[in-house]
Protein backbone atom coordinates (compact mmCIF):
# COMPACT_ATOMS: atom_id res chain seq x y z
CA MET A 1 0.11 0.28 0.05
CA VAL A 2 1.49 3.40 -0.67
CA LEU A 3 -0.04 6.97 0.05
CA HIS A 4 -0.45 9.22 -2.92
CA LYS A 5 -0.72 12.71 -1.71
CA LEU A 6 -2.77 14.75 -4.73
CA LYS A 7 -3.91 18.42 -5.39
CA THR A 8 -7.77 18.76 -6.28
CA VAL A 9 -9.99 21.45 -7.55
CA GLN A 10 -13.49 22.75 -6.71
CA PRO A 11 -16.04 21.61 -7.89
CA PHE A 12 -14.36 18.12 -7.98
CA PHE A 13 -13.27 18.30 -4.21
CA ARG A 14 -16.89 19.08 -2.69
CA ASP A 15 -18.46 16.20 -4.74
CA ILE A 16 -15.88 13.53 -3.79
CA TRP A 17 -16.27 15.37 0.30
CA GLU A 18 -20.38 15.14 0.12
CA GLY A 19 -20.15 11.52 -1.45
CA VAL A 20 -21.55 12.28 -4.60
CA LYS A 21 -18.46 11.33 -7.09
CA THR A 22 -16.97 8.05 -5.93
CA PHE A 23 -13.97 7.89 -8.73
CA ASP A 24 -11.15 10.28 -10.04
CA VAL A 25 -9.30 10.66 -13.30
CA ARG A 26 -5.73 11.08 -12.84
CA PHE A 27 -2.25 10.61 -15.02
CA ASN A 28 -1.00 7.27 -13.95
CA ASP A 29 2.40 8.61 -13.35
CA ARG A 30 2.44 7.02 -9.99
CA ASN A 31 1.80 3.46 -10.36
CA PHE A 32 -1.55 3.48 -8.85
CA GLN A 33 -2.90 0.31 -7.56
CA VAL A 34 -6.11 -1.71 -5.74
CA GLY A 35 -5.21 -0.78 -1.70
CA ASP A 36 -3.24 2.53 -2.35
CA ARG A 37 -4.72 5.40 -0.53
CA ILE A 38 -4.63 8.70 -1.11
CA LEU A 39 -5.00 11.56 0.27
CA LEU A 40 -6.88 14.28 -1.58
CA VAL A 41 -6.05 17.73 -0.45
CA GLU A 42 -8.48 21.09 -1.19
CA TYR A 43 -6.85 23.39 -4.08
CA GLY A 44 -7.78 26.40 -5.52
CA LEU A 45 -6.39 29.75 -7.30
CA ASN A 46 -5.06 30.88 -3.95
CA GLY A 47 -3.01 27.08 -3.50
CA TYR A 48 -4.17 25.03 -0.31
CA GLY A 49 -7.67 25.85 0.91
CA ASP A 50 -8.44 24.27 4.22
CA ASN A 51 -9.40 20.67 3.80
CA ALA A 52 -8.62 17.00 2.70
CA ILE A 53 -9.88 13.87 1.91
CA LEU A 54 -8.38 10.56 3.04
CA CYS A 55 -8.88 7.89 0.43
CA GLU A 56 -8.78 4.35 -0.35
CA VAL A 57 -8.19 3.05 -3.87
CA ILE A 58 -11.05 0.34 -4.84
CA TYR A 59 -10.90 0.31 -8.29
CA LEU A 60 -8.55 0.76 -11.02
CA PHE A 61 -9.54 0.99 -14.51
CA LYS A 62 -6.99 1.41 -17.30
CA GLY A 63 -9.64 1.56 -20.82
CA ILE A 64 -7.12 2.06 -23.45
CA LEU A 65 -10.25 2.76 -26.16
CA MET A 66 -12.29 4.58 -23.63
CA LEU A 67 -9.18 6.83 -22.27
CA LYS A 68 -6.32 8.94 -23.22
CA GLU A 69 -3.22 6.98 -23.22
CA GLY A 70 -1.62 7.24 -19.01
CA TYR A 71 -4.85 8.23 -17.46
CA VAL A 72 -7.25 6.07 -15.36
CA VAL A 73 -10.15 6.21 -13.05
CA LEU A 74 -10.22 5.51 -10.04
CA GLY A 75 -12.82 4.08 -7.53
CA ILE A 76 -12.76 5.87 -4.45
CA SER A 77 -13.61 4.90 -1.04
CA ILE A 78 -13.56 7.41 1.72
CA ILE A 79 -11.51 6.92 4.90
CA ASP A 80 -11.94 9.63 6.05
CA LYS A 81 -12.71 13.53 5.65
CA VAL A 82 -10.48 15.94 7.66
CA GLU A 83 -11.04 19.81 8.30
CA CYS A 84 -9.21 22.64 8.79
CA TRP A 85 -6.12 20.71 7.61
CA TYR A 86 -2.82 22.16 7.28
CA GLY A 87 -0.58 20.32 5.43
CA GLU A 88 1.71 21.02 2.46
């Protein structure tokens, strides 16, 4: 299991926070695997926001016919939400 820290912009961050969006599309430069954890950090025009979401990758889609080369769809499950997170 690997922990990946990823910036996530609005409105996508809010949709994941609210449980509406249960996936994330990413360039696979980190060799994502099922079981990895991702720390999604709120990010905007003014830099890092106040919140973060810890998720587990529960599904990985690498469909070469449906995605631009090098990209994956990560099925994610929220483990914890952190308000007023100030890590960098």
